[in-house]
Amino acid sequence: MIHTVSDVYKTNMTIEELWKQLDKQMFSHIHVSYIINLSHIRSIEGDEVVLDDGERFLIARSHKQSLKEKHLEYMRRMV
């Protein structure tokens, strides 16, 4: 399932196939089941990422450092 701001789409692609097609500067793979758009992160709280809509997702330990680095770099680009 691909969730956007306005819709939800079903796909036959695996998360790895989808990941290969995304801009790595705009998206982060945070868990075996989740890829998020960096522009929709409200905050990173402990082991969770909070999105603009208040939804929370668990960050896998193996992806936490990468997420923090990518989010910081994204924020720098936006300034």
C-alpha atoms as a PDB file:
ATOM      1  CA  MET A   1       0.000   0.000   0.000  1.00  0.00           C
ATOM      2  CA  ILE A   2       1.214   3.470  -0.851  1.00  0.00           C
ATOM      3  CA  HIS A   3      -0.270   6.248   1.279  1.00  0.00           C
ATOM      4  CA  THR A   4      -0.218   9.786  -0.058  1.00  0.00           C
ATOM      5  CA  VAL A   5      -1.668  12.989   1.348  1.00  0.00           C
ATOM      6  CA  SER A   6      -4.823  12.517  -0.701  1.00  0.00           C
ATOM      7  CA  ASP A   7      -5.117   8.806  -1.505  1.00  0.00           C
ATOM      8  CA  VAL A   8      -4.084   5.202  -0.885  1.00  0.00           C
ATOM      9  CA  TYR A   9      -2.837   3.013  -3.735  1.00  0.00           C
ATOM     10  CA  LYS A  10      -2.394  -0.740  -3.932  1.00  0.00           C
ATOM     11  CA  THR A  11       0.672  -2.060  -5.715  1.00  0.00           C
ATOM     12  CA  ASN A  12       2.169  -5.421  -6.572  1.00  0.00           C
ATOM     13  CA  MET A  13       5.679  -4.050  -6.118  1.00  0.00           C
ATOM     14  CA  THR A  14       7.745  -5.121  -3.159  1.00  0.00           C
ATOM     15  CA  ILE A  15       8.974  -2.408  -0.822  1.00  0.00           C
ATOM     16  CA  GLU A  16      12.510  -2.976  -2.162  1.00  0.00           C
ATOM     17  CA  GLU A  17      11.347  -2.479  -5.768  1.00  0.00           C
ATOM     18  CA  LEU A  18       9.582   0.711  -4.758  1.00  0.00           C
ATOM     19  CA  TRP A  19      12.634   1.892  -2.793  1.00  0.00           C
ATOM     20  CA  LYS A  20      14.844   1.550  -5.890  1.00  0.00           C
ATOM     21  CA  GLN A  21      12.604   4.000  -7.779  1.00  0.00           C
ATOM     22  CA  LEU A  22      12.464   6.740  -5.148  1.00  0.00           C
ATOM     23  CA  ASP A  23      14.665   9.798  -4.703  1.00  0.00           C
ATOM     24  CA  LYS A  24      16.883   8.882  -1.731  1.00  0.00           C
ATOM     25  CA  GLN A  25      17.217  12.584  -0.828  1.00  0.00           C
ATOM     26  CA  MET A  26      13.434  12.852  -0.325  1.00  0.00           C
ATOM     27  CA  PHE A  27      12.588   9.461   1.191  1.00  0.00           C
ATOM     28  CA  SER A  28      13.909   7.292   3.987  1.00  0.00           C
ATOM     29  CA  HIS A  29      13.481   3.559   4.568  1.00  0.00           C
ATOM     30  CA  ILE A  30      12.779   3.474   8.323  1.00  0.00           C
ATOM     31  CA  HIS A  31      11.577  -0.092   8.829  1.00  0.00           C
ATOM     32  CA  VAL A  32      11.211  -3.286   6.822  1.00  0.00           C
ATOM     33  CA  SER A  33       7.604  -2.203   6.131  1.00  0.00           C
ATOM     34  CA  TYR A  34       7.861   1.588   5.864  1.00  0.00           C
ATOM     35  CA  ILE A  35       9.328   4.230   3.596  1.00  0.00           C
ATOM     36  CA  ILE A  36       8.512   7.828   4.468  1.00  0.00           C
ATOM     37  CA  ASN A  37       8.746  11.182   2.729  1.00  0.00           C
ATOM     38  CA  LEU A  38      11.188  13.392   4.641  1.00  0.00           C
ATOM     39  CA  SER A  39       9.115  16.492   3.905  1.00  0.00           C
ATOM     40  CA  HIS A  40       6.273  15.140   6.068  1.00  0.00           C
ATOM     41  CA  ILE A  41       8.275  14.540   9.248  1.00  0.00           C
ATOM     42  CA  ARG A  42       7.077  16.645  12.166  1.00  0.00           C
ATOM     43  CA  SER A  43       9.526  15.169  14.666  1.00  0.00           C
ATOM     44  CA  ILE A  44      11.644  12.184  15.634  1.00  0.00           C
ATOM     45  CA  GLU A  45      10.854  11.099  19.184  1.00  0.00           C
ATOM     46  CA  GLY A  46      12.892   8.243  20.576  1.00  0.00           C
ATOM     47  CA  ASP A  47      12.256   5.216  18.373  1.00  0.00           C
ATOM     48  CA  GLU A  48       9.339   6.816  16.515  1.00  0.00           C
ATOM     49  CA  VAL A  49       8.907   9.277  13.691  1.00  0.00           C
ATOM     50  CA  VAL A  50       5.864  11.573  13.862  1.00  0.00           C
ATOM     51  CA  LEU A  51       4.401  12.757  10.565  1.00  0.00           C
ATOM     52  CA  ASP A  52       2.485  15.964   9.765  1.00  0.00           C
ATOM     53  CA  ASP A  53      -0.856  14.238  10.311  1.00  0.00           C
ATOM     54  CA  GLY A  54       0.199  12.989  13.763  1.00  0.00           C
ATOM     55  CA  GLU A  55       0.656   9.400  12.647  1.00  0.00           C
ATOM     56  CA  ARG A  56       3.573   7.624  14.349  1.00  0.00           C
ATOM     57  CA  PHE A  57       5.816   4.919  12.929  1.00  0.00           C
ATOM     58  CA  LEU A  58       8.432   2.800  14.636  1.00  0.00           C
ATOM     59  CA  ILE A  59      11.990   3.328  13.403  1.00  0.00           C
ATOM     60  CA  ALA A  60      14.071   0.154  13.166  1.00  0.00           C
ATOM     61  CA  ARG A  61      17.354   0.418  15.089  1.00  0.00           C
ATOM     62  CA  SER A  62      19.257  -0.337  11.894  1.00  0.00           C
ATOM     63  CA  HIS A  63      17.653   2.683  10.144  1.00  0.00           C
ATOM     64  CA  LYS A  64      17.585   5.236  12.979  1.00  0.00           C
ATOM     65  CA  GLN A  65      20.978   6.880  12.397  1.00  0.00           C
ATOM     66  CA  SER A  66      20.416   7.044   8.644  1.00  0.00           C
ATOM     67  CA  LEU A  67      17.017   8.680   9.165  1.00  0.00           C
ATOM     68  CA  LYS A  68      18.460  11.315  11.478  1.00  0.00           C
ATOM     69  CA  GLU A  69      21.248  12.114   9.007  1.00  0.00           C
ATOM     70  CA  LYS A  70      18.904  12.236   6.016  1.00  0.00           C
ATOM     71  CA  HIS A  71      16.394  14.415   7.877  1.00  0.00           C
ATOM     72  CA  LEU A  72      19.104  16.846   8.971  1.00  0.00           C
ATOM     73  CA  GLU A  73      20.440  17.054   5.404  1.00  0.00           C
ATOM     74  CA  TYR A  74      16.908  17.581   4.092  1.00  0.00           C
ATOM     75  CA  MET A  75      16.350  20.412   6.578  1.00  0.00           C
ATOM     76  CA  ARG A  76      19.639  22.043   5.524  1.00  0.00           C
ATOM     77  CA  ARG A  77      18.579  21.941   1.879  1.00  0.00           C
ATOM     78  CA  MET A  78      15.265  23.612   2.728  1.00  0.00           C
ATOM     79  CA  VAL A  79      16.895  26.623   4.426  1.00  0.00           C
END
